C-alpha atoms as a PDB file:
ATOM      1  CA  MET A   1      -0.040   0.035   0.008  1.00  0.00           C
ATOM      2  CA  SER A   2       1.602   3.264  -1.100  1.00  0.00           C
ATOM      3  CA  GLU A   3       0.686   6.486   0.517  1.00  0.00           C
ATOM      4  CA  ASN A   4       0.781   9.899  -1.086  1.00  0.00           C
ATOM      5  CA  LEU A   5       3.497  11.630   0.923  1.00  0.00           C
ATOM      6  CA  SER A   6       2.426  15.068  -0.310  1.00  0.00           C
ATOM      7  CA  ALA A   7      -1.257  14.663   0.630  1.00  0.00           C
ATOM      8  CA  LYS A   8      -2.985  17.903   1.582  1.00  0.00           C
ATOM      9  CA  VAL A   9      -6.214  18.553   3.403  1.00  0.00           C
ATOM     10  CA  PRO A  10      -8.312  21.679   3.283  1.00  0.00           C
ATOM     11  CA  VAL A  11      -8.708  23.515   6.589  1.00  0.00           C
ATOM     12  CA  ASN A  12     -10.239  26.913   7.400  1.00  0.00           C
ATOM     13  CA  LYS A  13      -7.376  29.356   7.794  1.00  0.00           C
ATOM     14  CA  ILE A  14      -8.936  31.466  10.571  1.00  0.00           C
ATOM     15  CA  LEU A  15     -10.010  28.351  12.562  1.00  0.00           C
ATOM     16  CA  TYR A  16      -6.573  26.882  12.308  1.00  0.00           C
ATOM     17  CA  ILE A  17      -4.815  30.002  13.408  1.00  0.00           C
ATOM     18  CA  VAL A  18      -7.188  30.687  16.320  1.00  0.00           C
ATOM     19  CA  LEU A  19      -6.957  27.061  17.503  1.00  0.00           C
ATOM     20  CA  ALA A  20      -3.161  27.187  17.219  1.00  0.00           C
ATOM     21  CA  PHE A  21      -2.974  30.425  19.137  1.00  0.00           C
ATOM     22  CA  PHE A  22      -5.282  29.428  22.033  1.00  0.00           C
ATOM     23  CA  MET A  23      -4.934  25.654  22.146  1.00  0.00           C
ATOM     24  CA  GLY A  24      -1.674  25.061  20.347  1.00  0.00           C
ATOM     25  CA  TYR A  25       0.178  23.915  23.415  1.00  0.00           C
ATOM     26  CA  LEU A  26      -2.218  20.869  23.423  1.00  0.00           C
ATOM     27  CA  GLY A  27      -1.706  20.240  19.688  1.00  0.00           C
ATOM     28  CA  ILE A  28      -5.369  20.778  18.887  1.00  0.00           C
ATOM     29  CA  HIS A  29      -4.527  22.382  15.520  1.00  0.00           C
ATOM     30  CA  LYS A  30      -2.656  19.226  14.542  1.00  0.00           C
ATOM     31  CA  PHE A  31      -5.541  16.924  15.551  1.00  0.00           C
ATOM     32  CA  ILE A  32      -7.999  18.767  13.287  1.00  0.00           C
ATOM     33  CA  ILE A  33      -5.860  18.103  10.243  1.00  0.00           C
ATOM     34  CA  GLY A  34      -5.330  14.404  11.137  1.00  0.00           C
ATOM     35  CA  LYS A  35      -1.811  14.570  12.534  1.00  0.00           C
ATOM     36  CA  VAL A  36      -2.702  12.745  15.806  1.00  0.00           C
ATOM     37  CA  THR A  37       0.823  11.580  16.462  1.00  0.00           C
ATOM     38  CA  VAL A  38       2.239  15.094  16.096  1.00  0.00           C
ATOM     39  CA  GLY A  39      -0.480  16.418  18.325  1.00  0.00           C
ATOM     40  CA  ILE A  40       0.427  13.910  21.055  1.00  0.00           C
ATOM     41  CA  ILE A  41       4.118  14.896  20.604  1.00  0.00           C
ATOM     42  CA  TYR A  42       3.139  18.521  21.236  1.00  0.00           C
ATOM     43  CA  ILE A  43       1.455  17.530  24.469  1.00  0.00           C
ATOM     44  CA  VAL A  44       4.379  15.408  25.683  1.00  0.00           C
ATOM     45  CA  ILE A  45       7.002  18.017  24.706  1.00  0.00           C
ATOM     46  CA  GLY A  46       4.908  20.687  26.415  1.00  0.00           C
ATOM     47  CA  LEU A  47       4.679  18.792  29.631  1.00  0.00           C
ATOM     48  CA  PHE A  48       8.469  18.227  29.856  1.00  0.00           C
ATOM     49  CA  THR A  49       9.512  21.775  28.823  1.00  0.00           C
ATOM     50  CA  PHE A  50       6.739  23.846  30.490  1.00  0.00           C
ATOM     51  CA  PHE A  51       5.389  24.577  27.007  1.00  0.00           C
ATOM     52  CA  VAL A  52       8.385  26.805  26.015  1.00  0.00           C
ATOM     53  CA  ILE A  53       9.414  24.624  23.017  1.00  0.00           C
ATOM     54  CA  VAL A  54       5.840  24.045  22.017  1.00  0.00           C
ATOM     55  CA  SER A  55       5.141  27.806  22.034  1.00  0.00           C
ATOM     56  CA  ILE A  56       7.974  28.285  19.535  1.00  0.00           C
ATOM     57  CA  LEU A  57       6.595  25.387  17.368  1.00  0.00           C
ATOM     58  CA  VAL A  58       3.086  26.866  17.481  1.00  0.00           C
ATOM     59  CA  LEU A  59       4.399  30.265  16.454  1.00  0.00           C
ATOM     60  CA  ILE A  60       6.152  28.581  13.458  1.00  0.00           C
ATOM     61  CA  ASP A  61       2.887  26.798  12.572  1.00  0.00           C
ATOM     62  CA  ILE A  62       0.861  29.999  12.739  1.00  0.00           C
ATOM     63  CA  ILE A  63       3.322  31.919  10.564  1.00  0.00           C
ATOM     64  CA  LYS A  64       3.447  29.123   8.006  1.00  0.00           C
ATOM     65  CA  VAL A  65      -0.288  28.852   7.685  1.00  0.00           C
ATOM     66  CA  ALA A  66      -0.826  32.598   7.809  1.00  0.00           C
ATOM     67  CA  THR A  67       1.393  32.969   4.709  1.00  0.00           C
ATOM     68  CA  LEU A  68      -0.558  30.351   2.681  1.00  0.00           C
ATOM     69  CA  PRO A  69      -3.132  31.713   0.180  1.00  0.00           C
ATOM     70  CA  ALA A  70      -6.682  30.989   1.079  1.00  0.00           C
ATOM     71  CA  ASP A  71      -9.339  29.996  -1.504  1.00  0.00           C
ATOM     72  CA  THR A  72     -12.697  31.757  -1.788  1.00  0.00           C
ATOM     73  CA  SER A  73     -14.093  29.705   1.120  1.00  0.00           C
ATOM     74  CA  GLY A  74     -11.225  30.809   3.355  1.00  0.00           C
ATOM     75  CA  ASN A  75      -9.601  27.377   3.326  1.00  0.00           C
ATOM     76  CA  VAL A  76      -5.919  26.590   2.902  1.00  0.00           C
ATOM     77  CA  MET A  77      -4.391  23.306   1.775  1.00  0.00           C
ATOM     78  CA  VAL A  78      -2.313  21.932   4.646  1.00  0.00           C
ATOM     79  CA  LYS A  79       0.144  19.113   4.251  1.00  0.00           C
ATOM     80  CA  THR A  80      -0.716  15.986   6.216  1.00  0.00           C
ATOM     81  CA  SER A  81       2.811  14.519   6.107  1.00  0.00           C
ATOM     82  CA  GLY A  82       5.903  15.840   7.799  1.00  0.00           C
ATOM     83  CA  PHE A  83       6.188  17.841  10.997  1.00  0.00           C
ATOM     84  CA  PHE A  84       5.445  21.309   9.793  1.00  0.00           C
ATOM     85  CA  GLU A  85       2.948  22.560   7.203  1.00  0.00           C
ATOM     86  CA  LYS A  86       3.645  24.109   3.785  1.00  0.00           C
END
């Protein structure tokens, strides 16, 4: 079974950024795009580093998604493989 490593999923840009900003330390923004493992990693890293490293990772996520162009519905195509979007 071969998987498409460059698979992308549409997600509302505003929703993603708001969730990342307010709930990013729990990896919620990763769970909504299907990256369950990465979401769990965000939680574990956050617990062991008092959310300092996760805050930096969330800031990177927000910047990367904020720079993506949205379609007419306000959705952006977010990559479902790899650690970071884009």
